[in-house]
Amino acid sequence: MTATATIRMARTQEPTPNTFWSRLGSAFAMFRNAKSITGLAILGFFVLIAIFADVLAPFSPTQVDNTARFQPPSAEHWLGTTHIGEDVLSQVIHGTRGVIVVGFLAAIIATIIAIVVGVVSGYVRGWKSEGLSALTNVFLVIPGLPLIIIVAAMFEQPPLVLIAAVLGITGWAWGARVLRAQTMSLRNRDFIQAARANGEPLRRIIAVEMLPNLMALIAASFVGTVTAAILGLTTLSYIGVIPVNTYNWGTILNWASAQGAFRQNQWWWYLPPGLCIAAIGVALSLINFGIDEYVNPRLRSAGERARAMKKKGLNVNDAVTVVRAPASAAPHSTTSKDSTA
């Protein structure tokens, strides 16, 4: 082997440098499994509907057709009409925007607070850590929905931004608690001690050294907060806390319930928003399951083992593992029987 070939082989076998971007890329590997990809695809579908709601909706959500009241699905109105002739499909499409905006805005606010409070309280020591931990414990027991009802009662028409802010402020404590525990286990690792010995400032240690290793927990906290915010918004809209002129899936269910659509079995009015809530809940759950499978080594190995069994044609749900004898065993056993005879 020549010297040039040896140098080329050595270059190809060099390990990937452990840079910030490489760690960040490996942190987002949790979204590369089938569950996360499916959930992201469904969630992306709703995000696109929210962005292009004005283009996709066939009618204005408040446009009234007096000749088509309580009309079932037809060629003109794909999801039927309401009691005054409003197009249900247009209302569902425009309602998607309110749900997505509140869910993501509340999750962004809660995640930022959780990162700042959780990571800082887990890294520092002494009274600062204990004080931030006590603040987290206080917000853990603050009920979110009653507080939103009180805040909404102070305004005639509370904007969705205010609802999202209240949901985010009351929903960060659990994520901060988890991040604090993980940060306390990371602060004694060798790479953190080396960064501290080099005199790196606190903000760089947290941003460059710790956050890439916490991305899985941060993503799981973000997804969980989005789910809680969407459920909170639709619940408050359904019970009438949020004004009915603010379009989201909860207000559509509120109108349907008030006009007796459930009793009269006018399914085209209440079933589509209910299915949308269920679909986005399934999408967020799949993303969360994918993150759990990536973070938990037992779940990851179990998933890999199940996929390997499916490729071999074995049933994953079998209680007893099927052991297949090699092809050469049958002739050997026949020969032994003949020799015995």
C-alpha atoms as a PDB file:
ATOM      1  CA  MET A   1       0.000   0.000   0.000  1.00  0.00           C
ATOM      2  CA  THR A   2       1.420   3.368  -0.996  1.00  0.00           C
ATOM      3  CA  ALA A   3       1.797   6.317   1.356  1.00  0.00           C
ATOM      4  CA  THR A   4      -0.878   8.285  -0.530  1.00  0.00           C
ATOM      5  CA  ALA A   5      -3.427   5.505  -0.076  1.00  0.00           C
ATOM      6  CA  THR A   6      -2.588   5.280   3.626  1.00  0.00           C
ATOM      7  CA  ILE A   7      -3.144   9.028   4.083  1.00  0.00           C
ATOM      8  CA  ARG A   8      -6.480   8.858   2.235  1.00  0.00           C
ATOM      9  CA  MET A   9      -7.638   5.942   4.401  1.00  0.00           C
ATOM     10  CA  ALA A  10      -6.640   7.819   7.554  1.00  0.00           C
ATOM     11  CA  ARG A  11      -8.594  10.864   6.413  1.00  0.00           C
ATOM     12  CA  THR A  12     -11.724   8.820   5.746  1.00  0.00           C
ATOM     13  CA  GLN A  13     -11.500   7.247   9.204  1.00  0.00           C
ATOM     14  CA  GLU A  14     -11.164  10.569  11.045  1.00  0.00           C
ATOM     15  CA  PRO A  15     -14.034  11.099  13.503  1.00  0.00           C
ATOM     16  CA  THR A  16     -16.526  13.861  12.943  1.00  0.00           C
ATOM     17  CA  PRO A  17     -15.462  16.993  14.865  1.00  0.00           C
ATOM     18  CA  ASN A  18     -17.509  17.571  18.001  1.00  0.00           C
ATOM     19  CA  THR A  19     -18.637  21.097  17.169  1.00  0.00           C
ATOM     20  CA  PHE A  20     -21.736  22.989  18.225  1.00  0.00           C
ATOM     21  CA  TRP A  21     -23.453  22.423  14.882  1.00  0.00           C
ATOM     22  CA  SER A  22     -22.671  18.698  14.873  1.00  0.00           C
ATOM     23  CA  ARG A  23     -24.141  18.327  18.372  1.00  0.00           C
ATOM     24  CA  LEU A  24     -27.157  20.374  17.353  1.00  0.00           C
ATOM     25  CA  GLY A  25     -27.705  18.176  14.294  1.00  0.00           C
ATOM     26  CA  SER A  26     -27.477  15.013  16.347  1.00  0.00           C
ATOM     27  CA  ALA A  27     -29.927  16.525  18.849  1.00  0.00           C
ATOM     28  CA  PHE A  28     -32.582  16.891  16.146  1.00  0.00           C
ATOM     29  CA  ALA A  29     -32.132  13.245  15.114  1.00  0.00           C
ATOM     30  CA  MET A  30     -35.181  12.541  17.305  1.00  0.00           C
ATOM     31  CA  PHE A  31     -37.400  13.712  14.420  1.00  0.00           C
ATOM     32  CA  ARG A  32     -36.034  11.125  11.976  1.00  0.00           C
ATOM     33  CA  ASN A  33     -38.109   8.141  13.073  1.00  0.00           C
ATOM     34  CA  ALA A  34     -41.417   7.154  11.489  1.00  0.00           C
ATOM     35  CA  LYS A  35     -43.604   8.354  14.360  1.00  0.00           C
ATOM     36  CA  SER A  36     -42.115  11.834  14.449  1.00  0.00           C
ATOM     37  CA  ILE A  37     -42.203  12.192  10.667  1.00  0.00           C
ATOM     38  CA  THR A  38     -45.880  11.194  10.536  1.00  0.00           C
ATOM     39  CA  GLY A  39     -46.766  13.601  13.337  1.00  0.00           C
ATOM     40  CA  LEU A  40     -44.821  16.437  11.735  1.00  0.00           C
ATOM     41  CA  ALA A  41     -46.556  15.807   8.404  1.00  0.00           C
ATOM     42  CA  ILE A  42     -50.026  16.061   9.983  1.00  0.00           C
ATOM     43  CA  LEU A  43     -49.036  19.125  11.995  1.00  0.00           C
ATOM     44  CA  GLY A  44     -47.511  20.746   8.903  1.00  0.00           C
ATOM     45  CA  PHE A  45     -50.785  20.178   7.055  1.00  0.00           C
ATOM     46  CA  PHE A  46     -52.686  22.178   9.681  1.00  0.00           C
ATOM     47  CA  VAL A  47     -50.009  24.881   9.715  1.00  0.00           C
ATOM     48  CA  LEU A  48     -50.358  25.320   5.947  1.00  0.00           C
ATOM     49  CA  ILE A  49     -54.140  25.558   6.302  1.00  0.00           C
ATOM     50  CA  ALA A  50     -53.706  28.246   8.957  1.00  0.00           C
ATOM     51  CA  ILE A  51     -51.298  30.237   6.784  1.00  0.00           C
ATOM     52  CA  PHE A  52     -53.385  30.061   3.597  1.00  0.00           C
ATOM     53  CA  ALA A  53     -56.819  30.149   5.237  1.00  0.00           C
ATOM     54  CA  ASP A  54     -57.952  33.175   3.221  1.00  0.00           C
ATOM     55  CA  VAL A  55     -57.079  31.397  -0.036  1.00  0.00           C
ATOM     56  CA  LEU A  56     -58.399  27.925   0.847  1.00  0.00           C
ATOM     57  CA  ALA A  57     -61.734  28.946   2.369  1.00  0.00           C
ATOM     58  CA  PRO A  58     -64.470  28.941  -0.316  1.00  0.00           C
ATOM     59  CA  PHE A  59     -66.535  31.558   1.537  1.00  0.00           C
ATOM     60  CA  SER A  60     -66.140  34.114   4.265  1.00  0.00           C
ATOM     61  CA  PRO A  61     -66.812  32.514   7.677  1.00  0.00           C
ATOM     62  CA  THR A  62     -69.535  35.116   8.343  1.00  0.00           C
ATOM     63  CA  GLN A  63     -71.159  34.997   4.909  1.00  0.00           C
ATOM     64  CA  VAL A  64     -74.837  34.060   5.253  1.00  0.00           C
ATOM     65  CA  ASP A  65     -76.808  32.081   2.672  1.00  0.00           C
ATOM     66  CA  ASN A  66     -80.508  32.396   3.562  1.00  0.00           C
ATOM     67  CA  THR A  67     -81.434  29.716   1.032  1.00  0.00           C
ATOM     68  CA  ALA A  68     -79.198  27.063   2.622  1.00  0.00           C
ATOM     69  CA  ARG A  69     -79.886  26.769   6.344  1.00  0.00           C
ATOM     70  CA  PHE A  70     -79.004  23.563   8.170  1.00  0.00           C
ATOM     71  CA  GLN A  71     -78.028  22.123   4.801  1.00  0.00           C
ATOM     72  CA  PRO A  72     -76.079  18.824   4.839  1.00  0.00           C
ATOM     73  CA  PRO A  73     -72.869  18.480   2.803  1.00  0.00           C
ATOM     74  CA  SER A  74     -73.378  19.234  -0.881  1.00  0.00           C
ATOM     75  CA  ALA A  75     -71.379  20.205  -3.940  1.00  0.00           C
ATOM     76  CA  GLU A  76     -71.605  23.893  -3.020  1.00  0.00           C
ATOM     77  CA  HIS A  77     -71.040  23.510   0.724  1.00  0.00           C
ATOM     78  CA  TRP A  78     -68.715  20.546   1.266  1.00  0.00           C
ATOM     79  CA  LEU A  79     -69.288  20.376   5.027  1.00  0.00           C
ATOM     80  CA  GLY A  80     -72.828  21.745   5.079  1.00  0.00           C
ATOM     81  CA  THR A  81     -74.084  24.973   6.637  1.00  0.00           C
ATOM     82  CA  THR A  82     -75.101  26.318  10.026  1.00  0.00           C
ATOM     83  CA  HIS A  83     -78.535  27.406  11.260  1.00  0.00           C
ATOM     84  CA  ILE A  84     -78.214  30.759   9.470  1.00  0.00           C
ATOM     85  CA  GLY A  85     -76.524  29.454   6.318  1.00  0.00           C
ATOM     86  CA  GLU A  86     -72.844  29.950   7.127  1.00  0.00           C
ATOM     87  CA  ASP A  87     -70.385  27.586   5.460  1.00  0.00           C
ATOM     88  CA  VAL A  88     -68.958  25.132   8.024  1.00  0.00           C
ATOM     89  CA  LEU A  89     -65.851  24.340   5.965  1.00  0.00           C
ATOM     90  CA  SER A  90     -64.885  28.014   5.834  1.00  0.00           C
ATOM     91  CA  GLN A  91     -65.346  28.324   9.585  1.00  0.00           C
ATOM     92  CA  VAL A  92     -63.205  25.251  10.251  1.00  0.00           C
ATOM     93  CA  ILE A  93     -60.436  26.535   7.958  1.00  0.00           C
ATOM     94  CA  HIS A  94     -60.407  29.992   9.555  1.00  0.00           C
ATOM     95  CA  GLY A  95     -60.646  28.423  13.007  1.00  0.00           C
ATOM     96  CA  THR A  96     -57.421  26.531  12.358  1.00  0.00           C
ATOM     97  CA  ARG A  97     -55.492  29.798  12.386  1.00  0.00           C
ATOM     98  CA  GLY A  98     -56.588  30.704  15.904  1.00  0.00           C
ATOM     99  CA  VAL A  99     -55.750  27.235  17.216  1.00  0.00           C
ATOM    100  CA  ILE A 100     -52.272  27.165  15.659  1.00  0.00           C
ATOM    101  CA  VAL A 101     -51.423  30.735  16.715  1.00  0.00           C
ATOM    102  CA  VAL A 102     -52.444  30.224  20.338  1.00  0.00           C
ATOM    103  CA  GLY A 103     -50.835  26.775  20.575  1.00  0.00           C
ATOM    104  CA  PHE A 104     -47.448  27.794  19.186  1.00  0.00           C
ATOM    105  CA  LEU A 105     -47.319  31.230  20.818  1.00  0.00           C
ATOM    106  CA  ALA A 106     -48.122  29.779  24.242  1.00  0.00           C
ATOM    107  CA  ALA A 107     -45.545  27.016  23.715  1.00  0.00           C
ATOM    108  CA  ILE A 108     -42.843  29.508  22.684  1.00  0.00           C
ATOM    109  CA  ILE A 109     -43.463  31.661  25.768  1.00  0.00           C
ATOM    110  CA  ALA A 110     -43.546  28.663  28.113  1.00  0.00           C
ATOM    111  CA  THR A 111     -40.460  27.047  26.573  1.00  0.00           C
ATOM    112  CA  ILE A 112     -38.360  30.210  26.813  1.00  0.00           C
ATOM    113  CA  ILE A 113     -39.266  30.681  30.488  1.00  0.00           C
ATOM    114  CA  ALA A 114     -38.690  26.971  31.188  1.00  0.00           C
ATOM    115  CA  ILE A 115     -35.231  27.050  29.587  1.00  0.00           C
ATOM    116  CA  VAL A 116     -34.120  30.184  31.438  1.00  0.00           C
ATOM    117  CA  VAL A 117     -35.453  29.154  34.850  1.00  0.00           C
ATOM    118  CA  GLY A 118     -34.781  25.408  34.589  1.00  0.00           C
ATOM    119  CA  VAL A 119     -31.269  25.485  33.150  1.00  0.00           C
ATOM    120  CA  VAL A 120     -30.041  28.372  35.303  1.00  0.00           C
ATOM    121  CA  SER A 121     -31.471  26.883  38.506  1.00  0.00           C
ATOM    122  CA  GLY A 122     -29.901  23.534  37.642  1.00  0.00           C
ATOM    123  CA  TYR A 123     -26.463  24.956  36.893  1.00  0.00           C
ATOM    124  CA  VAL A 124     -25.975  27.519  39.660  1.00  0.00           C
ATOM    125  CA  ARG A 125     -25.794  26.578  43.315  1.00  0.00           C
ATOM    126  CA  GLY A 126     -26.860  28.048  46.626  1.00  0.00           C
ATOM    127  CA  TRP A 127     -29.745  30.414  47.266  1.00  0.00           C
ATOM    128  CA  LYS A 128     -30.144  31.284  43.578  1.00  0.00           C
ATOM    129  CA  SER A 129     -30.880  27.671  42.679  1.00  0.00           C
ATOM    130  CA  GLU A 130     -33.208  27.204  45.644  1.00  0.00           C
ATOM    131  CA  GLY A 131     -35.063  30.437  44.914  1.00  0.00           C
ATOM    132  CA  LEU A 132     -35.708  29.532  41.266  1.00  0.00           C
ATOM    133  CA  SER A 133     -36.756  26.043  42.337  1.00  0.00           C
ATOM    134  CA  ALA A 134     -39.242  27.525  44.830  1.00  0.00           C
ATOM    135  CA  LEU A 135     -40.638  29.795  42.083  1.00  0.00           C
ATOM    136  CA  THR A 136     -41.111  26.750  39.862  1.00  0.00           C
ATOM    137  CA  ASN A 137     -42.949  24.914  42.622  1.00  0.00           C
ATOM    138  CA  VAL A 138     -45.297  27.887  43.094  1.00  0.00           C
ATOM    139  CA  PHE A 139     -46.223  27.945  39.397  1.00  0.00           C
ATOM    140  CA  LEU A 140     -46.728  24.186  39.415  1.00  0.00           C
ATOM    141  CA  VAL A 141     -49.760  24.557  41.683  1.00  0.00           C
ATOM    142  CA  ILE A 142     -51.268  27.650  40.016  1.00  0.00           C
ATOM    143  CA  PRO A 143     -54.422  26.547  38.111  1.00  0.00           C
ATOM    144  CA  GLY A 144     -54.278  27.793  34.555  1.00  0.00           C
ATOM    145  CA  LEU A 145     -57.904  27.632  33.402  1.00  0.00           C
ATOM    146  CA  PRO A 146     -59.435  29.544  36.362  1.00  0.00           C
ATOM    147  CA  LEU A 147     -56.813  32.249  35.931  1.00  0.00           C
ATOM    148  CA  ILE A 148     -57.640  32.567  32.237  1.00  0.00           C
ATOM    149  CA  ILE A 149     -61.347  32.835  33.087  1.00  0.00           C
ATOM    150  CA  ILE A 150     -60.589  35.691  35.505  1.00  0.00           C
ATOM    151  CA  VAL A 151     -58.374  37.473  32.980  1.00  0.00           C
ATOM    152  CA  ALA A 152     -60.908  37.009  30.167  1.00  0.00           C
ATOM    153  CA  ALA A 153     -63.672  38.442  32.372  1.00  0.00           C
ATOM    154  CA  MET A 154     -61.699  41.697  32.631  1.00  0.00           C
ATOM    155  CA  PHE A 155     -61.939  42.270  28.866  1.00  0.00           C
ATOM    156  CA  GLU A 156     -64.971  42.511  26.652  1.00  0.00           C
ATOM    157  CA  GLN A 157     -63.141  40.802  23.794  1.00  0.00           C
ATOM    158  CA  PRO A 158     -59.850  39.314  25.051  1.00  0.00           C
ATOM    159  CA  PRO A 159     -57.385  38.936  22.162  1.00  0.00           C
ATOM    160  CA  LEU A 160     -55.886  35.565  21.364  1.00  0.00           C
ATOM    161  CA  VAL A 161     -52.420  36.920  22.148  1.00  0.00           C
ATOM    162  CA  LEU A 162     -53.509  37.565  25.731  1.00  0.00           C
ATOM    163  CA  ILE A 163     -54.970  34.055  26.039  1.00  0.00           C
ATOM    164  CA  ALA A 164     -51.747  32.579  24.650  1.00  0.00           C
ATOM    165  CA  ALA A 165     -49.647  34.664  27.059  1.00  0.00           C
ATOM    166  CA  VAL A 166     -51.644  33.477  30.073  1.00  0.00           C
ATOM    167  CA  LEU A 167     -51.441  29.849  28.895  1.00  0.00           C
ATOM    168  CA  GLY A 168     -47.690  30.185  28.386  1.00  0.00           C
ATOM    169  CA  ILE A 169     -47.026  31.886  31.732  1.00  0.00           C
ATOM    170  CA  THR A 170     -48.969  29.237  33.619  1.00  0.00           C
ATOM    171  CA  GLY A 171     -47.593  26.280  31.635  1.00  0.00           C
ATOM    172  CA  TRP A 172     -43.798  26.520  31.925  1.00  0.00           C
ATOM    173  CA  ALA A 173     -43.223  25.069  35.390  1.00  0.00           C
ATOM    174  CA  TRP A 174     -43.279  21.360  34.532  1.00  0.00           C
ATOM    175  CA  GLY A 175     -40.780  21.770  31.689  1.00  0.00           C
ATOM    176  CA  ALA A 176     -38.508  23.851  33.922  1.00  0.00           C
ATOM    177  CA  ARG A 177     -38.609  21.141  36.574  1.00  0.00           C
ATOM    178  CA  VAL A 178     -37.482  18.465  34.112  1.00  0.00           C
ATOM    179  CA  LEU A 179     -34.766  20.680  32.611  1.00  0.00           C
ATOM    180  CA  ARG A 180     -33.439  21.528  36.074  1.00  0.00           C
ATOM    181  CA  ALA A 181     -33.044  17.860  36.965  1.00  0.00           C
ATOM    182  CA  GLN A 182     -31.236  17.073  33.710  1.00  0.00           C
ATOM    183  CA  THR A 183     -29.003  20.143  33.997  1.00  0.00           C
ATOM    184  CA  MET A 184     -27.937  19.112  37.509  1.00  0.00           C
ATOM    185  CA  SER A 185     -26.734  15.809  36.061  1.00  0.00           C
ATOM    186  CA  LEU A 186     -24.895  17.564  33.211  1.00  0.00           C
ATOM    187  CA  ARG A 187     -23.081  20.202  35.243  1.00  0.00           C
ATOM    188  CA  ASN A 188     -20.609  17.629  36.624  1.00  0.00           C
ATOM    189  CA  ARG A 189     -19.705  16.131  33.236  1.00  0.00           C
ATOM    190  CA  ASP A 190     -16.165  16.427  31.956  1.00  0.00           C
ATOM    191  CA  PHE A 191     -16.908  18.794  29.071  1.00  0.00           C
ATOM    192  CA  ILE A 192     -18.738  21.208  31.394  1.00  0.00           C
ATOM    193  CA  GLN A 193     -15.879  21.112  33.888  1.00  0.00           C
ATOM    194  CA  ALA A 194     -13.398  21.738  31.076  1.00  0.00           C
ATOM    195  CA  ALA A 195     -15.400  24.727  29.821  1.00  0.00           C
ATOM    196  CA  ARG A 196     -15.574  26.111  33.332  1.00  0.00           C
ATOM    197  CA  ALA A 197     -11.816  25.615  33.808  1.00  0.00           C
ATOM    198  CA  ASN A 198     -11.155  27.525  30.588  1.00  0.00           C
ATOM    199  CA  GLY A 199     -12.977  30.524  32.057  1.00  0.00           C
ATOM    200  CA  GLU A 200     -15.942  30.479  29.663  1.00  0.00           C
ATOM    201  CA  PRO A 201     -18.823  32.703  30.763  1.00  0.00           C
ATOM    202  CA  LEU A 202     -22.082  31.271  32.049  1.00  0.00           C
ATOM    203  CA  ARG A 203     -24.110  32.256  29.005  1.00  0.00           C
ATOM    204  CA  ARG A 204     -21.722  30.435  26.652  1.00  0.00           C
ATOM    205  CA  ILE A 205     -21.633  27.297  28.796  1.00  0.00           C
ATOM    206  CA  ILE A 206     -25.425  27.158  28.791  1.00  0.00           C
ATOM    207  CA  ALA A 207     -25.937  28.097  25.134  1.00  0.00           C
ATOM    208  CA  VAL A 208     -23.097  26.115  23.543  1.00  0.00           C
ATOM    209  CA  GLU A 209     -22.381  23.222  25.898  1.00  0.00           C
ATOM    210  CA  MET A 210     -25.698  22.413  27.600  1.00  0.00           C
ATOM    211  CA  LEU A 211     -28.577  23.333  25.288  1.00  0.00           C
ATOM    212  CA  PRO A 212     -27.590  20.929  22.451  1.00  0.00           C
ATOM    213  CA  ASN A 213     -27.659  18.097  24.992  1.00  0.00           C
ATOM    214  CA  LEU A 214     -31.084  19.196  26.255  1.00  0.00           C
ATOM    215  CA  MET A 215     -32.813  19.542  22.879  1.00  0.00           C
ATOM    216  CA  ALA A 216     -34.805  16.324  23.238  1.00  0.00           C
ATOM    217  CA  LEU A 217     -36.297  17.418  26.564  1.00  0.00           C
ATOM    218  CA  ILE A 218     -36.905  20.937  25.252  1.00  0.00           C
ATOM    219  CA  ALA A 219     -38.701  19.559  22.192  1.00  0.00           C
ATOM    220  CA  ALA A 220     -40.825  17.249  24.350  1.00  0.00           C
ATOM    221  CA  SER A 221     -41.726  20.158  26.635  1.00  0.00           C
ATOM    222  CA  PHE A 222     -42.616  22.321  23.627  1.00  0.00           C
ATOM    223  CA  VAL A 223     -44.870  19.646  22.127  1.00  0.00           C
ATOM    224  CA  GLY A 224     -46.586  19.034  25.447  1.00  0.00           C
ATOM    225  CA  THR A 225     -47.235  22.745  25.926  1.00  0.00           C
ATOM    226  CA  VAL A 226     -48.708  23.050  22.424  1.00  0.00           C
ATOM    227  CA  THR A 227     -51.099  20.201  23.219  1.00  0.00           C
ATOM    228  CA  ALA A 228     -52.129  21.714  26.538  1.00  0.00           C
ATOM    229  CA  ALA A 229     -52.604  25.177  25.003  1.00  0.00           C
ATOM    230  CA  ILE A 230     -54.790  23.878  22.162  1.00  0.00           C
ATOM    231  CA  LEU A 231     -56.936  21.860  24.553  1.00  0.00           C
ATOM    232  CA  GLY A 232     -57.187  24.838  26.886  1.00  0.00           C
ATOM    233  CA  LEU A 233     -58.223  27.189  24.081  1.00  0.00           C
ATOM    234  CA  THR A 234     -60.879  24.862  22.675  1.00  0.00           C
ATOM    235  CA  THR A 235     -62.215  24.130  26.166  1.00  0.00           C
ATOM    236  CA  LEU A 236     -62.514  27.815  27.060  1.00  0.00           C
ATOM    237  CA  SER A 237     -64.138  28.560  23.714  1.00  0.00           C
ATOM    238  CA  TYR A 238     -66.614  25.711  24.093  1.00  0.00           C
ATOM    239  CA  ILE A 239     -67.777  26.820  27.548  1.00  0.00           C
ATOM    240  CA  GLY A 240     -68.146  30.417  26.321  1.00  0.00           C
ATOM    241  CA  VAL A 241     -65.296  32.154  28.153  1.00  0.00           C
ATOM    242  CA  ILE A 242     -63.744  33.356  24.894  1.00  0.00           C
ATOM    243  CA  PRO A 243     -66.115  35.460  22.705  1.00  0.00           C
ATOM    244  CA  VAL A 244     -67.876  33.493  20.015  1.00  0.00           C
ATOM    245  CA  ASN A 245     -66.774  35.917  17.304  1.00  0.00           C
ATOM    246  CA  THR A 246     -63.183  34.663  17.748  1.00  0.00           C
ATOM    247  CA  TYR A 247     -62.946  31.810  15.284  1.00  0.00           C
ATOM    248  CA  ASN A 248     -61.473  28.505  16.433  1.00  0.00           C
ATOM    249  CA  TRP A 249     -62.708  24.938  16.640  1.00  0.00           C
ATOM    250  CA  GLY A 250     -64.015  25.416  20.176  1.00  0.00           C
ATOM    251  CA  THR A 251     -66.310  28.277  19.206  1.00  0.00           C
ATOM    252  CA  ILE A 252     -67.724  26.212  16.338  1.00  0.00           C
ATOM    253  CA  LEU A 253     -68.608  23.478  18.824  1.00  0.00           C
ATOM    254  CA  ASN A 254     -70.109  26.139  21.099  1.00  0.00           C
ATOM    255  CA  TRP A 255     -72.385  27.390  18.323  1.00  0.00           C
ATOM    256  CA  ALA A 256     -73.361  23.858  17.354  1.00  0.00           C
ATOM    257  CA  SER A 257     -74.244  22.989  20.949  1.00  0.00           C
ATOM    258  CA  ALA A 258     -76.225  26.206  21.468  1.00  0.00           C
ATOM    259  CA  GLN A 259     -78.309  25.617  18.328  1.00  0.00           C
ATOM    260  CA  GLY A 260     -79.094  21.986  19.150  1.00  0.00           C
ATOM    261  CA  ALA A 261     -76.917  20.372  16.493  1.00  0.00           C
ATOM    262  CA  PHE A 262     -76.066  17.526  18.881  1.00  0.00           C
ATOM    263  CA  ARG A 263     -79.706  16.772  19.631  1.00  0.00           C
ATOM    264  CA  GLN A 264     -80.830  16.996  16.017  1.00  0.00           C
ATOM    265  CA  ASN A 265     -77.889  14.887  14.825  1.00  0.00           C
ATOM    266  CA  GLN A 266     -76.581  17.557  12.472  1.00  0.00           C
ATOM    267  CA  TRP A 267     -73.212  15.858  12.398  1.00  0.00           C
ATOM    268  CA  TRP A 268     -71.707  18.021   9.658  1.00  0.00           C
ATOM    269  CA  TRP A 269     -71.603  20.961  12.074  1.00  0.00           C
ATOM    270  CA  TYR A 270     -69.897  19.454  15.124  1.00  0.00           C
ATOM    271  CA  LEU A 271     -68.030  16.424  13.727  1.00  0.00           C
ATOM    272  CA  PRO A 272     -65.438  18.235  11.513  1.00  0.00           C
ATOM    273  CA  PRO A 273     -64.028  20.492  14.288  1.00  0.00           C
ATOM    274  CA  GLY A 274     -64.040  17.542  16.677  1.00  0.00           C
ATOM    275  CA  LEU A 275     -62.081  15.431  14.186  1.00  0.00           C
ATOM    276  CA  CYS A 276     -59.622  18.290  13.664  1.00  0.00           C
ATOM    277  CA  ILE A 277     -58.976  18.493  17.415  1.00  0.00           C
ATOM    278  CA  ALA A 278     -58.460  14.724  17.503  1.00  0.00           C
ATOM    279  CA  ALA A 279     -56.163  14.793  14.445  1.00  0.00           C
ATOM    280  CA  ILE A 280     -53.885  17.494  15.789  1.00  0.00           C
ATOM    281  CA  GLY A 281     -53.831  15.694  19.146  1.00  0.00           C
ATOM    282  CA  VAL A 282     -52.735  12.498  17.381  1.00  0.00           C
ATOM    283  CA  ALA A 283     -50.043  14.415  15.478  1.00  0.00           C
ATOM    284  CA  LEU A 284     -48.594  15.940  18.639  1.00  0.00           C
ATOM    285  CA  SER A 285     -48.766  12.574  20.423  1.00  0.00           C
ATOM    286  CA  LEU A 286     -46.870  10.873  17.593  1.00  0.00           C
ATOM    287  CA  ILE A 287     -44.167  13.532  17.771  1.00  0.00           C
ATOM    288  CA  ASN A 288     -43.939  13.053  21.509  1.00  0.00           C
ATOM    289  CA  PHE A 289     -43.781   9.243  21.127  1.00  0.00           C
ATOM    290  CA  GLY A 290     -41.003   9.643  18.579  1.00  0.00           C
ATOM    291  CA  ILE A 291     -39.029  11.843  20.958  1.00  0.00           C
ATOM    292  CA  ASP A 292     -39.527   9.353  23.795  1.00  0.00           C
ATOM    293  CA  GLU A 293     -38.344   6.510  21.577  1.00  0.00           C
ATOM    294  CA  TYR A 294     -35.217   8.479  20.718  1.00  0.00           C
ATOM    295  CA  VAL A 295     -34.446   9.532  24.305  1.00  0.00           C
ATOM    296  CA  ASN A 296     -35.246   6.233  26.044  1.00  0.00           C
ATOM    297  CA  PRO A 297     -32.737   3.529  25.033  1.00  0.00           C
ATOM    298  CA  ARG A 298     -35.149   0.747  26.011  1.00  0.00           C
ATOM    299  CA  LEU A 299     -37.904   2.076  23.755  1.00  0.00           C
ATOM    300  CA  ARG A 300     -35.408   2.643  20.942  1.00  0.00           C
ATOM    301  CA  SER A 301     -34.022  -0.889  21.151  1.00  0.00           C
ATOM    302  CA  ALA A 302     -37.540  -2.329  21.423  1.00  0.00           C
ATOM    303  CA  GLY A 303     -38.609  -0.446  18.304  1.00  0.00           C
ATOM    304  CA  GLU A 304     -35.565  -1.615  16.364  1.00  0.00           C
ATOM    305  CA  ARG A 305     -36.172  -5.207  17.484  1.00  0.00           C
ATOM    306  CA  ALA A 306     -39.840  -5.019  16.424  1.00  0.00           C
ATOM    307  CA  ARG A 307     -38.909  -3.686  12.983  1.00  0.00           C
ATOM    308  CA  ALA A 308     -36.346  -6.466  12.571  1.00  0.00           C
ATOM    309  CA  MET A 309     -38.970  -9.094  13.484  1.00  0.00           C
ATOM    310  CA  LYS A 310     -41.419  -7.657  10.954  1.00  0.00           C
ATOM    311  CA  LYS A 311     -38.802  -7.866   8.214  1.00  0.00           C
ATOM    312  CA  LYS A 312     -38.343 -11.572   9.013  1.00  0.00           C
ATOM    313  CA  GLY A 313     -42.095 -12.180   8.810  1.00  0.00           C
ATOM    314  CA  LEU A 314     -42.552 -12.774  12.551  1.00  0.00           C
ATOM    315  CA  ASN A 315     -45.490 -11.507  14.585  1.00  0.00           C
ATOM    316  CA  VAL A 316     -44.415  -8.901  17.126  1.00  0.00           C
ATOM    317  CA  ASN A 317     -47.373  -9.656  19.414  1.00  0.00           C
ATOM    318  CA  ASP A 318     -46.629 -13.349  19.778  1.00  0.00           C
ATOM    319  CA  ALA A 319     -46.120 -14.371  23.402  1.00  0.00           C
ATOM    320  CA  VAL A 320     -43.701 -17.137  22.384  1.00  0.00           C
ATOM    321  CA  THR A 321     -40.834 -16.507  20.006  1.00  0.00           C
ATOM    322  CA  VAL A 322     -40.893 -18.844  17.033  1.00  0.00           C
ATOM    323  CA  VAL A 323     -37.607 -20.719  16.577  1.00  0.00           C
ATOM    324  CA  ARG A 324     -37.033 -21.895  13.031  1.00  0.00           C
ATOM    325  CA  ALA A 325     -34.774 -24.898  12.530  1.00  0.00           C
ATOM    326  CA  PRO A 326     -32.119 -24.602   9.828  1.00  0.00           C
ATOM    327  CA  ALA A 327     -32.774 -26.305   6.526  1.00  0.00           C
ATOM    328  CA  SER A 328     -29.960 -28.808   7.046  1.00  0.00           C
ATOM    329  CA  ALA A 329     -31.555 -30.183  10.231  1.00  0.00           C
ATOM    330  CA  ALA A 330     -34.327 -32.145   8.486  1.00  0.00           C
ATOM    331  CA  PRO A 331     -32.101 -34.439   6.365  1.00  0.00           C
ATOM    332  CA  HIS A 332     -29.819 -35.007   9.329  1.00  0.00           C
ATOM    333  CA  SER A 333     -32.705 -36.133  11.567  1.00  0.00           C
ATOM    334  CA  THR A 334     -34.011 -38.481   8.854  1.00  0.00           C
ATOM    335  CA  THR A 335     -30.623 -40.072   8.435  1.00  0.00           C
ATOM    336  CA  SER A 336     -30.273 -40.655  12.175  1.00  0.00           C
ATOM    337  CA  LYS A 337     -33.693 -42.343  12.289  1.00  0.00           C
ATOM    338  CA  ASP A 338     -32.770 -44.639   9.415  1.00  0.00           C
ATOM    339  CA  SER A 339     -29.486 -45.602  11.015  1.00  0.00           C
ATOM    340  CA  THR A 340     -31.272 -46.354  14.291  1.00  0.00           C
ATOM    341  CA  ALA A 341     -33.778 -48.529  12.519  1.00  0.00           C
END
